[in-house]
Amino acid sequence: MIKHIVMFKLSENADGKTKKENLDTALDMLKNFKELIPVIKDFKAVSNAPNAPDSNCDLALICDFENIEDLNAYQTHPEHLKFGKFITKIRESRACIDYEY
């Protein structure tokens, strides 16, 4: 199995919207990811707790895949590409790790 964790720090204002508005849009885009992308075995989209430090990332995606081939298929899936296009416009930074377990 492959665990794919990606975290985003969002811009305070981007694409004409506040961080909160963009975070809400991102979470809405992600709510059906597991159903839309069949290679995903498990999926969570989580946001930073309201009282957590502002230096933390704002959004994390935690995904499980059967193997690296499924992760690679996810990377090129149209729904993932659509989300990637959106998040790239509103993020300050991105961190990612993929590990086998």
PDB file of N, CA and C in Angstrom:
ATOM      1  N   MET A   1       0.847  -1.186   0.000  1.00  0.00           N
ATOM      2  CA  MET A   1       0.000   0.000   0.000  1.00  0.00           C
ATOM      3  C   MET A   1       0.884   1.238   0.000  1.00  0.00           C
ATOM      4  N   ILE A   2       0.349   2.300  -0.577  1.00  0.00           N
ATOM      5  CA  ILE A   2       1.028   3.594  -0.637  1.00  0.00           C
ATOM      6  C   ILE A   2       0.166   4.624   0.090  1.00  0.00           C
ATOM      7  N   LYS A   3       0.775   5.347   1.008  1.00  0.00           N
ATOM      8  CA  LYS A   3       0.115   6.481   1.668  1.00  0.00           C
ATOM      9  C   LYS A   3       0.652   7.744   1.008  1.00  0.00           C
ATOM     10  N   HIS A   4      -0.258   8.587   0.542  1.00  0.00           N
ATOM     11  CA  HIS A   4       0.076   9.855  -0.122  1.00  0.00           C
ATOM     12  C   HIS A   4      -0.493  10.969   0.750  1.00  0.00           C
ATOM     13  N   ILE A   5       0.390  11.795   1.291  1.00  0.00           N
ATOM     14  CA  ILE A   5      -0.034  12.914   2.129  1.00  0.00           C
ATOM     15  C   ILE A   5       0.491  14.194   1.485  1.00  0.00           C
ATOM     16  N   VAL A   6      -0.406  15.101   1.207  1.00  0.00           N
ATOM     17  CA  VAL A   6      -0.019  16.395   0.640  1.00  0.00           C
ATOM     18  C   VAL A   6      -0.671  17.493   1.471  1.00  0.00           C
ATOM     19  N   MET A   7       0.128  18.526   1.788  1.00  0.00           N
ATOM     20  CA  MET A   7      -0.354  19.623   2.630  1.00  0.00           C
ATOM     21  C   MET A   7      -0.134  20.947   1.913  1.00  0.00           C
ATOM     22  N   PHE A   8      -1.083  21.854   2.118  1.00  0.00           N
ATOM     23  CA  PHE A   8      -1.044  23.150   1.454  1.00  0.00           C
ATOM     24  C   PHE A   8      -1.170  24.276   2.478  1.00  0.00           C
ATOM     25  N   LYS A   9      -0.361  25.287   2.305  1.00  0.00           N
ATOM     26  CA  LYS A   9      -0.517  26.561   3.007  1.00  0.00           C
ATOM     27  C   LYS A   9      -1.179  27.487   1.994  1.00  0.00           C
ATOM     28  N   LEU A  10      -2.330  28.021   2.326  1.00  0.00           N
ATOM     29  CA  LEU A  10      -3.076  28.850   1.385  1.00  0.00           C
ATOM     30  C   LEU A  10      -2.734  30.328   1.550  1.00  0.00           C
ATOM     31  N   SER A  11      -2.841  31.056   0.458  1.00  0.00           N
ATOM     32  CA  SER A  11      -2.643  32.506   0.486  1.00  0.00           C
ATOM     33  C   SER A  11      -3.797  33.163   1.239  1.00  0.00           C
ATOM     34  N   GLU A  12      -3.511  34.268   1.907  1.00  0.00           N
ATOM     35  CA  GLU A  12      -4.556  34.993   2.639  1.00  0.00           C
ATOM     36  C   GLU A  12      -5.671  35.453   1.704  1.00  0.00           C
ATOM     37  N   ASN A  13      -5.295  35.917   0.527  1.00  0.00           N
ATOM     38  CA  ASN A  13      -6.238  36.321  -0.511  1.00  0.00           C
ATOM     39  C   ASN A  13      -5.692  35.827  -1.835  1.00  0.00           C
ATOM     40  N   ALA A  14      -6.553  35.181  -2.615  1.00  0.00           N
ATOM     41  CA  ALA A  14      -6.130  34.674  -3.918  1.00  0.00           C
ATOM     42  C   ALA A  14      -7.345  34.490  -4.804  1.00  0.00           C
ATOM     43  N   ASP A  15      -7.163  34.769  -6.054  1.00  0.00           N
ATOM     44  CA  ASP A  15      -8.234  34.580  -7.033  1.00  0.00           C
ATOM     45  C   ASP A  15      -9.489  35.356  -6.639  1.00  0.00           C
ATOM     46  N   GLY A  16      -9.282  36.520  -5.980  1.00  0.00           N
ATOM     47  CA  GLY A  16     -10.394  37.387  -5.597  1.00  0.00           C
ATOM     48  C   GLY A  16     -11.175  36.935  -4.377  1.00  0.00           C
ATOM     49  N   LYS A  17     -10.640  35.965  -3.630  1.00  0.00           N
ATOM     50  CA  LYS A  17     -11.363  35.441  -2.471  1.00  0.00           C
ATOM     51  C   LYS A  17     -10.437  35.349  -1.262  1.00  0.00           C
ATOM     52  N   THR A  18     -11.056  35.265  -0.086  1.00  0.00           N
ATOM     53  CA  THR A  18     -10.290  35.101   1.147  1.00  0.00           C
ATOM     54  C   THR A  18      -9.807  33.661   1.275  1.00  0.00           C
ATOM     55  N   LYS A  19      -8.867  33.460   2.200  1.00  0.00           N
ATOM     56  CA  LYS A  19      -8.384  32.110   2.486  1.00  0.00           C
ATOM     57  C   LYS A  19      -9.548  31.195   2.863  1.00  0.00           C
ATOM     58  N   LYS A  20     -10.427  31.650   3.726  1.00  0.00           N
ATOM     59  CA  LYS A  20     -11.576  30.853   4.178  1.00  0.00           C
ATOM     60  C   LYS A  20     -12.472  30.471   3.001  1.00  0.00           C
ATOM     61  N   GLU A  21     -12.760  31.418   2.128  1.00  0.00           N
ATOM     62  CA  GLU A  21     -13.600  31.119   0.961  1.00  0.00           C
ATOM     63  C   GLU A  21     -12.935  30.080   0.059  1.00  0.00           C
ATOM     64  N   ASN A  22     -11.635  30.242  -0.175  1.00  0.00           N
ATOM     65  CA  ASN A  22     -10.914  29.290  -1.022  1.00  0.00           C
ATOM     66  C   ASN A  22     -10.803  27.922  -0.355  1.00  0.00           C
ATOM     67  N   LEU A  23     -10.617  27.885   0.959  1.00  0.00           N
ATOM     68  CA  LEU A  23     -10.572  26.616   1.677  1.00  0.00           C
ATOM     69  C   LEU A  23     -11.917  25.895   1.558  1.00  0.00           C
ATOM     70  N   ASP A  24     -13.003  26.629   1.741  1.00  0.00           N
ATOM     71  CA  ASP A  24     -14.337  26.031   1.612  1.00  0.00           C
ATOM     72  C   ASP A  24     -14.554  25.475   0.203  1.00  0.00           C
ATOM     73  N   THR A  25     -14.115  26.203  -0.813  1.00  0.00           N
ATOM     74  CA  THR A  25     -14.235  25.732  -2.201  1.00  0.00           C
ATOM     75  C   THR A  25     -13.417  24.466  -2.403  1.00  0.00           C
ATOM     76  N   ALA A  26     -12.185  24.460  -1.877  1.00  0.00           N
ATOM     77  CA  ALA A  26     -11.323  23.285  -2.010  1.00  0.00           C
ATOM     78  C   ALA A  26     -11.966  22.067  -1.354  1.00  0.00           C
ATOM     79  N   LEU A  27     -12.454  22.230  -0.138  1.00  0.00           N
ATOM     80  CA  LEU A  27     -13.087  21.102   0.568  1.00  0.00           C
ATOM     81  C   LEU A  27     -14.321  20.605  -0.175  1.00  0.00           C
ATOM     82  N   ASP A  28     -15.064  21.517  -0.767  1.00  0.00           N
ATOM     83  CA  ASP A  28     -16.233  21.121  -1.558  1.00  0.00           C
ATOM     84  C   ASP A  28     -15.809  20.321  -2.792  1.00  0.00           C
ATOM     85  N   MET A  29     -14.743  20.753  -3.448  1.00  0.00           N
ATOM     86  CA  MET A  29     -14.238  20.037  -4.617  1.00  0.00           C
ATOM     87  C   MET A  29     -13.779  18.623  -4.251  1.00  0.00           C
ATOM     88  N   LEU A  30     -13.314  18.444  -3.030  1.00  0.00           N
ATOM     89  CA  LEU A  30     -12.732  17.175  -2.596  1.00  0.00           C
ATOM     90  C   LEU A  30     -13.732  16.207  -1.978  1.00  0.00           C
ATOM     91  N   LYS A  31     -14.932  16.657  -1.695  1.00  0.00           N
ATOM     92  CA  LYS A  31     -15.854  15.834  -0.910  1.00  0.00           C
ATOM     93  C   LYS A  31     -16.229  14.509  -1.572  1.00  0.00           C
ATOM     94  N   ASN A  32     -16.160  14.405  -2.889  1.00  0.00           N
ATOM     95  CA  ASN A  32     -16.508  13.159  -3.575  1.00  0.00           C
ATOM     96  C   ASN A  32     -15.317  12.533  -4.295  1.00  0.00           C
ATOM     97  N   PHE A  33     -14.112  12.920  -3.918  1.00  0.00           N
ATOM     98  CA  PHE A  33     -12.910  12.431  -4.607  1.00  0.00           C
ATOM     99  C   PHE A  33     -12.839  10.905  -4.623  1.00  0.00           C
ATOM    100  N   LYS A  34     -13.108  10.272  -3.499  1.00  0.00           N
ATOM    101  CA  LYS A  34     -12.987   8.804  -3.428  1.00  0.00           C
ATOM    102  C   LYS A  34     -13.950   8.126  -4.398  1.00  0.00           C
ATOM    103  N   GLU A  35     -15.153   8.655  -4.517  1.00  0.00           N
ATOM    104  CA  GLU A  35     -16.128   8.070  -5.433  1.00  0.00           C
ATOM    105  C   GLU A  35     -15.794   8.388  -6.895  1.00  0.00           C
ATOM    106  N   LEU A  36     -15.228   9.544  -7.147  1.00  0.00           N
ATOM    107  CA  LEU A  36     -14.924   9.969  -8.520  1.00  0.00           C
ATOM    108  C   LEU A  36     -13.646   9.350  -9.077  1.00  0.00           C
ATOM    109  N   ILE A  37     -12.741   8.954  -8.184  1.00  0.00           N
ATOM    110  CA  ILE A  37     -11.448   8.415  -8.613  1.00  0.00           C
ATOM    111  C   ILE A  37     -11.317   7.009  -8.023  1.00  0.00           C
ATOM    112  N   PRO A  38     -11.686   6.002  -8.795  1.00  0.00           N
ATOM    113  CA  PRO A  38     -11.791   4.634  -8.260  1.00  0.00           C
ATOM    114  C   PRO A  38     -10.500   4.027  -7.714  1.00  0.00           C
ATOM    115  N   VAL A  39      -9.330   4.505  -8.122  1.00  0.00           N
ATOM    116  CA  VAL A  39      -8.076   3.909  -7.623  1.00  0.00           C
ATOM    117  C   VAL A  39      -7.781   4.288  -6.174  1.00  0.00           C
ATOM    118  N   ILE A  40      -8.491   5.266  -5.634  1.00  0.00           N
ATOM    119  CA  ILE A  40      -8.304   5.662  -4.232  1.00  0.00           C
ATOM    120  C   ILE A  40      -8.942   4.612  -3.329  1.00  0.00           C
ATOM    121  N   LYS A  41      -8.149   4.066  -2.407  1.00  0.00           N
ATOM    122  CA  LYS A  41      -8.663   3.092  -1.436  1.00  0.00           C
ATOM    123  C   LYS A  41      -9.265   3.779  -0.213  1.00  0.00           C
ATOM    124  N   ASP A  42      -8.623   4.851   0.241  1.00  0.00           N
ATOM    125  CA  ASP A  42      -9.138   5.636   1.358  1.00  0.00           C
ATOM    126  C   ASP A  42      -8.725   7.081   1.129  1.00  0.00           C
ATOM    127  N   PHE A  43      -9.559   8.021   1.585  1.00  0.00           N
ATOM    128  CA  PHE A  43      -9.300   9.439   1.319  1.00  0.00           C
ATOM    129  C   PHE A  43      -9.870  10.289   2.439  1.00  0.00           C
ATOM    130  N   LYS A  44      -9.062  11.242   2.884  1.00  0.00           N
ATOM    131  CA  LYS A  44      -9.513  12.255   3.835  1.00  0.00           C
ATOM    132  C   LYS A  44      -8.974  13.595   3.380  1.00  0.00           C
ATOM    133  N   ALA A  45      -9.815  14.602   3.435  1.00  0.00           N
ATOM    134  CA  ALA A  45      -9.399  15.993   3.248  1.00  0.00           C
ATOM    135  C   ALA A  45      -9.685  16.687   4.568  1.00  0.00           C
ATOM    136  N   VAL A  46      -8.642  17.258   5.187  1.00  0.00           N
ATOM    137  CA  VAL A  46      -8.794  17.863   6.505  1.00  0.00           C
ATOM    138  C   VAL A  46      -8.223  19.274   6.500  1.00  0.00           C
ATOM    139  N   SER A  47      -8.814  20.110   7.347  1.00  0.00           N
ATOM    140  CA  SER A  47      -8.309  21.484   7.470  1.00  0.00           C
ATOM    141  C   SER A  47      -7.772  21.691   8.879  1.00  0.00           C
ATOM    142  N   ASN A  48      -6.876  22.651   8.991  1.00  0.00           N
ATOM    143  CA  ASN A  48      -6.239  22.986  10.259  1.00  0.00           C
ATOM    144  C   ASN A  48      -7.296  23.392  11.291  1.00  0.00           C
ATOM    145  N   ALA A  49      -7.123  22.965  12.515  1.00  0.00           N
ATOM    146  CA  ALA A  49      -8.056  23.332  13.587  1.00  0.00           C
ATOM    147  C   ALA A  49      -8.055  24.853  13.777  1.00  0.00           C
ATOM    148  N   PRO A  50      -9.210  25.431  14.079  1.00  0.00           N
ATOM    149  CA  PRO A  50      -9.321  26.895  14.187  1.00  0.00           C
ATOM    150  C   PRO A  50      -8.337  27.532  15.162  1.00  0.00           C
ATOM    151  N   ASN A  51      -8.031  26.866  16.270  1.00  0.00           N
ATOM    152  CA  ASN A  51      -7.143  27.450  17.276  1.00  0.00           C
ATOM    153  C   ASN A  51      -5.698  26.989  17.150  1.00  0.00           C
ATOM    154  N   ALA A  52      -5.390  26.231  16.089  1.00  0.00           N
ATOM    155  CA  ALA A  52      -4.016  25.771  15.864  1.00  0.00           C
ATOM    156  C   ALA A  52      -3.164  26.939  15.354  1.00  0.00           C
ATOM    157  N   PRO A  53      -1.854  26.833  15.445  1.00  0.00           N
ATOM    158  CA  PRO A  53      -0.988  27.919  15.003  1.00  0.00           C
ATOM    159  C   PRO A  53      -1.202  28.282  13.524  1.00  0.00           C
ATOM    160  N   ASP A  54      -1.134  29.563  13.244  1.00  0.00           N
ATOM    161  CA  ASP A  54      -1.280  30.040  11.870  1.00  0.00           C
ATOM    162  C   ASP A  54      -0.139  29.572  10.974  1.00  0.00           C
ATOM    163  N   SER A  55       0.965  29.191  11.571  1.00  0.00           N
ATOM    164  CA  SER A  55       2.107  28.721  10.785  1.00  0.00           C
ATOM    165  C   SER A  55       1.873  27.318  10.210  1.00  0.00           C
ATOM    166  N   ASN A  56       0.872  26.606  10.721  1.00  0.00           N
ATOM    167  CA  ASN A  56       0.534  25.278  10.196  1.00  0.00           C
ATOM    168  C   ASN A  56       0.011  25.382   8.772  1.00  0.00           C
ATOM    169  N   CYS A  57       0.021  24.256   8.083  1.00  0.00           N
ATOM    170  CA  CYS A  57      -0.652  24.188   6.786  1.00  0.00           C
ATOM    171  C   CYS A  57      -2.153  24.308   7.011  1.00  0.00           C
ATOM    172  N   ASP A  58      -2.855  24.724   5.973  1.00  0.00           N
ATOM    173  CA  ASP A  58      -4.299  24.938   6.078  1.00  0.00           C
ATOM    174  C   ASP A  58      -5.125  23.732   5.656  1.00  0.00           C
ATOM    175  N   LEU A  59      -4.573  22.932   4.750  1.00  0.00           N
ATOM    176  CA  LEU A  59      -5.325  21.834   4.153  1.00  0.00           C
ATOM    177  C   LEU A  59      -4.392  20.652   3.939  1.00  0.00           C
ATOM    178  N   ALA A  60      -4.892  19.449   4.232  1.00  0.00           N
ATOM    179  CA  ALA A  60      -4.124  18.237   3.969  1.00  0.00           C
ATOM    180  C   ALA A  60      -5.023  17.210   3.291  1.00  0.00           C
ATOM    181  N   LEU A  61      -4.445  16.484   2.346  1.00  0.00           N
ATOM    182  CA  LEU A  61      -5.107  15.354   1.704  1.00  0.00           C
ATOM    183  C   LEU A  61      -4.347  14.108   2.125  1.00  0.00           C
ATOM    184  N   ILE A  62      -5.063  13.120   2.609  1.00  0.00           N
ATOM    185  CA  ILE A  62      -4.456  11.882   3.073  1.00  0.00           C
ATOM    186  C   ILE A  62      -5.115  10.751   2.288  1.00  0.00           C
ATOM    187  N   CYS A  63      -4.328  10.108   1.430  1.00  0.00           N
ATOM    188  CA  CYS A  63      -4.877   9.116   0.497  1.00  0.00           C
ATOM    189  C   CYS A  63      -4.128   7.804   0.616  1.00  0.00           C
ATOM    190  N   ASP A  64      -4.853   6.713   0.408  1.00  0.00           N
ATOM    191  CA  ASP A  64      -4.260   5.382   0.341  1.00  0.00           C
ATOM    192  C   ASP A  64      -4.493   4.804  -1.049  1.00  0.00           C
ATOM    193  N   PHE A  65      -3.443   4.155  -1.564  1.00  0.00           N
ATOM    194  CA  PHE A  65      -3.503   3.494  -2.866  1.00  0.00           C
ATOM    195  C   PHE A  65      -2.944   2.089  -2.728  1.00  0.00           C
ATOM    196  N   GLU A  66      -3.438   1.194  -3.540  1.00  0.00           N
ATOM    197  CA  GLU A  66      -2.973  -0.190  -3.528  1.00  0.00           C
ATOM    198  C   GLU A  66      -1.496  -0.284  -3.889  1.00  0.00           C
ATOM    199  N   ASN A  67      -1.052   0.542  -4.847  1.00  0.00           N
ATOM    200  CA  ASN A  67       0.321   0.475  -5.345  1.00  0.00           C
ATOM    201  C   ASN A  67       0.695   1.794  -6.018  1.00  0.00           C
ATOM    202  N   ILE A  68       1.946   1.900  -6.426  1.00  0.00           N
ATOM    203  CA  ILE A  68       2.436   3.146  -7.033  1.00  0.00           C
ATOM    204  C   ILE A  68       1.773   3.411  -8.378  1.00  0.00           C
ATOM    205  N   GLU A  69       1.390   2.365  -9.083  1.00  0.00           N
ATOM    206  CA  GLU A  69       0.703   2.545 -10.356  1.00  0.00           C
ATOM    207  C   GLU A  69      -0.651   3.238 -10.161  1.00  0.00           C
ATOM    208  N   ASP A  70      -1.352   2.870  -9.098  1.00  0.00           N
ATOM    209  CA  ASP A  70      -2.622   3.531  -8.797  1.00  0.00           C
ATOM    210  C   ASP A  70      -2.408   4.990  -8.395  1.00  0.00           C
ATOM    211  N   LEU A  71      -1.357   5.258  -7.637  1.00  0.00           N
ATOM    212  CA  LEU A  71      -1.029   6.647  -7.300  1.00  0.00           C
ATOM    213  C   LEU A  71      -0.738   7.436  -8.570  1.00  0.00           C
ATOM    214  N   ASN A  72       0.010   6.858  -9.482  1.00  0.00           N
ATOM    215  CA  ASN A  72       0.314   7.547 -10.737  1.00  0.00           C
ATOM    216  C   ASN A  72      -0.942   7.770 -11.571  1.00  0.00           C
ATOM    217  N   ALA A  73      -1.872   6.815 -11.554  1.00  0.00           N
ATOM    218  CA  ALA A  73      -3.141   6.984 -12.272  1.00  0.00           C
ATOM    219  C   ALA A  73      -3.952   8.124 -11.649  1.00  0.00           C
ATOM    220  N   TYR A  74      -3.939   8.211 -10.336  1.00  0.00           N
ATOM    221  CA  TYR A  74      -4.608   9.311  -9.626  1.00  0.00           C
ATOM    222  C   TYR A  74      -4.042  10.667 -10.054  1.00  0.00           C
ATOM    223  N   GLN A  75      -2.728  10.736 -10.160  1.00  0.00           N
ATOM    224  CA  GLN A  75      -2.069  11.999 -10.505  1.00  0.00           C
ATOM    225  C   GLN A  75      -2.535  12.553 -11.853  1.00  0.00           C
ATOM    226  N   THR A  76      -2.946  11.681 -12.762  1.00  0.00           N
ATOM    227  CA  THR A  76      -3.356  12.123 -14.100  1.00  0.00           C
ATOM    228  C   THR A  76      -4.868  12.068 -14.305  1.00  0.00           C
ATOM    229  N   HIS A  77      -5.614  11.706 -13.267  1.00  0.00           N
ATOM    230  CA  HIS A  77      -7.072  11.647 -13.380  1.00  0.00           C
ATOM    231  C   HIS A  77      -7.631  13.069 -13.571  1.00  0.00           C
ATOM    232  N   PRO A  78      -8.640  13.242 -14.444  1.00  0.00           N
ATOM    233  CA  PRO A  78      -9.199  14.580 -14.702  1.00  0.00           C
ATOM    234  C   PRO A  78      -9.673  15.329 -13.455  1.00  0.00           C
ATOM    235  N   GLU A  79     -10.256  14.638 -12.478  1.00  0.00           N
ATOM    236  CA  GLU A  79     -10.711  15.324 -11.257  1.00  0.00           C
ATOM    237  C   GLU A  79      -9.525  15.844 -10.447  1.00  0.00           C
ATOM    238  N   HIS A  80      -8.455  15.062 -10.385  1.00  0.00           N
ATOM    239  CA  HIS A  80      -7.255  15.504  -9.689  1.00  0.00           C
ATOM    240  C   HIS A  80      -6.621  16.678 -10.410  1.00  0.00           C
ATOM    241  N   LEU A  81      -6.572  16.621 -11.722  1.00  0.00           N
ATOM    242  CA  LEU A  81      -5.994  17.724 -12.505  1.00  0.00           C
ATOM    243  C   LEU A  81      -6.804  19.006 -12.329  1.00  0.00           C
ATOM    244  N   LYS A  82      -8.129  18.880 -12.270  1.00  0.00           N
ATOM    245  CA  LYS A  82      -8.988  20.053 -12.055  1.00  0.00           C
ATOM    246  C   LYS A  82      -8.706  20.668 -10.687  1.00  0.00           C
ATOM    247  N   PHE A  83      -8.599  19.814  -9.664  1.00  0.00           N
ATOM    248  CA  PHE A  83      -8.278  20.319  -8.328  1.00  0.00           C
ATOM    249  C   PHE A  83      -6.888  20.953  -8.316  1.00  0.00           C
ATOM    250  N   GLY A  84      -5.928  20.310  -8.958  1.00  0.00           N
ATOM    251  CA  GLY A  84      -4.569  20.842  -9.018  1.00  0.00           C
ATOM    252  C   GLY A  84      -4.503  22.226  -9.640  1.00  0.00           C
ATOM    253  N   LYS A  85      -5.270  22.432 -10.682  1.00  0.00           N
ATOM    254  CA  LYS A  85      -5.308  23.748 -11.335  1.00  0.00           C
ATOM    255  C   LYS A  85      -5.845  24.808 -10.377  1.00  0.00           C
ATOM    256  N   PHE A  86      -6.881  24.450  -9.611  1.00  0.00           N
ATOM    257  CA  PHE A  86      -7.455  25.377  -8.641  1.00  0.00           C
ATOM    258  C   PHE A  86      -6.482  25.664  -7.498  1.00  0.00           C
ATOM    259  N   ILE A  87      -5.956  24.616  -6.878  1.00  0.00           N
ATOM    260  CA  ILE A  87      -5.131  24.793  -5.679  1.00  0.00           C
ATOM    261  C   ILE A  87      -3.834  25.537  -5.996  1.00  0.00           C
ATOM    262  N   THR A  88      -3.307  25.360  -7.194  1.00  0.00           N
ATOM    263  CA  THR A  88      -2.080  26.055  -7.583  1.00  0.00           C
ATOM    264  C   THR A  88      -2.274  27.571  -7.567  1.00  0.00           C
ATOM    265  N   LYS A  89      -3.472  28.030  -7.899  1.00  0.00           N
ATOM    266  CA  LYS A  89      -3.754  29.469  -7.927  1.00  0.00           C
ATOM    267  C   LYS A  89      -3.880  30.076  -6.541  1.00  0.00           C
ATOM    268  N   ILE A  90      -4.189  29.256  -5.537  1.00  0.00           N
ATOM    269  CA  ILE A  90      -4.507  29.821  -4.219  1.00  0.00           C
ATOM    270  C   ILE A  90      -3.522  29.438  -3.124  1.00  0.00           C
ATOM    271  N   ARG A  91      -2.502  28.688  -3.445  1.00  0.00           N
ATOM    272  CA  ARG A  91      -1.572  28.218  -2.416  1.00  0.00           C
ATOM    273  C   ARG A  91      -0.302  29.048  -2.355  1.00  0.00           C
ATOM    274  N   GLU A  92       0.259  29.103  -1.157  1.00  0.00           N
ATOM    275  CA  GLU A  92       1.593  29.678  -0.960  1.00  0.00           C
ATOM    276  C   GLU A  92       2.647  28.593  -1.074  1.00  0.00           C
ATOM    277  N   SER A  93       2.327  27.407  -0.519  1.00  0.00           N
ATOM    278  CA  SER A  93       3.302  26.331  -0.533  1.00  0.00           C
ATOM    279  C   SER A  93       2.590  24.979  -0.507  1.00  0.00           C
ATOM    280  N   ARG A  94       3.400  23.946  -0.824  1.00  0.00           N
ATOM    281  CA  ARG A  94       2.908  22.570  -0.868  1.00  0.00           C
ATOM    282  C   ARG A  94       4.019  21.667  -0.331  1.00  0.00           C
ATOM    283  N   ALA A  95       3.627  20.663   0.443  1.00  0.00           N
ATOM    284  CA  ALA A  95       4.563  19.642   0.905  1.00  0.00           C
ATOM    285  C   ALA A  95       3.893  18.289   0.684  1.00  0.00           C
ATOM    286  N   CYS A  96       4.693  17.296   0.316  1.00  0.00           N
ATOM    287  CA  CYS A  96       4.121  15.994   0.004  1.00  0.00           C
ATOM    288  C   CYS A  96       5.080  14.886   0.421  1.00  0.00           C
ATOM    289  N   ILE A  97       4.492  13.750   0.801  1.00  0.00           N
ATOM    290  CA  ILE A  97       5.271  12.529   1.033  1.00  0.00           C
ATOM    291  C   ILE A  97       4.430  11.345   0.560  1.00  0.00           C
ATOM    292  N   ASP A  98       5.097  10.382  -0.046  1.00  0.00           N
ATOM    293  CA  ASP A  98       4.483   9.121  -0.453  1.00  0.00           C
ATOM    294  C   ASP A  98       5.312   8.019   0.178  1.00  0.00           C
ATOM    295  N   TYR A  99       4.687   7.134   0.948  1.00  0.00           N
ATOM    296  CA  TYR A  99       5.464   6.057   1.563  1.00  0.00           C
ATOM    297  C   TYR A  99       4.699   4.740   1.477  1.00  0.00           C
ATOM    298  N   GLU A 100       5.465   3.672   1.502  1.00  0.00           N
ATOM    299  CA  GLU A 100       4.897   2.329   1.478  1.00  0.00           C
ATOM    300  C   GLU A 100       4.666   1.860   2.913  1.00  0.00           C
ATOM    301  N   TYR A 101       3.592   1.135   3.083  1.00  0.00           N
ATOM    302  CA  TYR A 101       3.321   0.543   4.400  1.00  0.00           C
ATOM    303  C   TYR A 101       2.674  -0.816   4.239  1.00  0.00           C
TER     304      TYR A 101
END
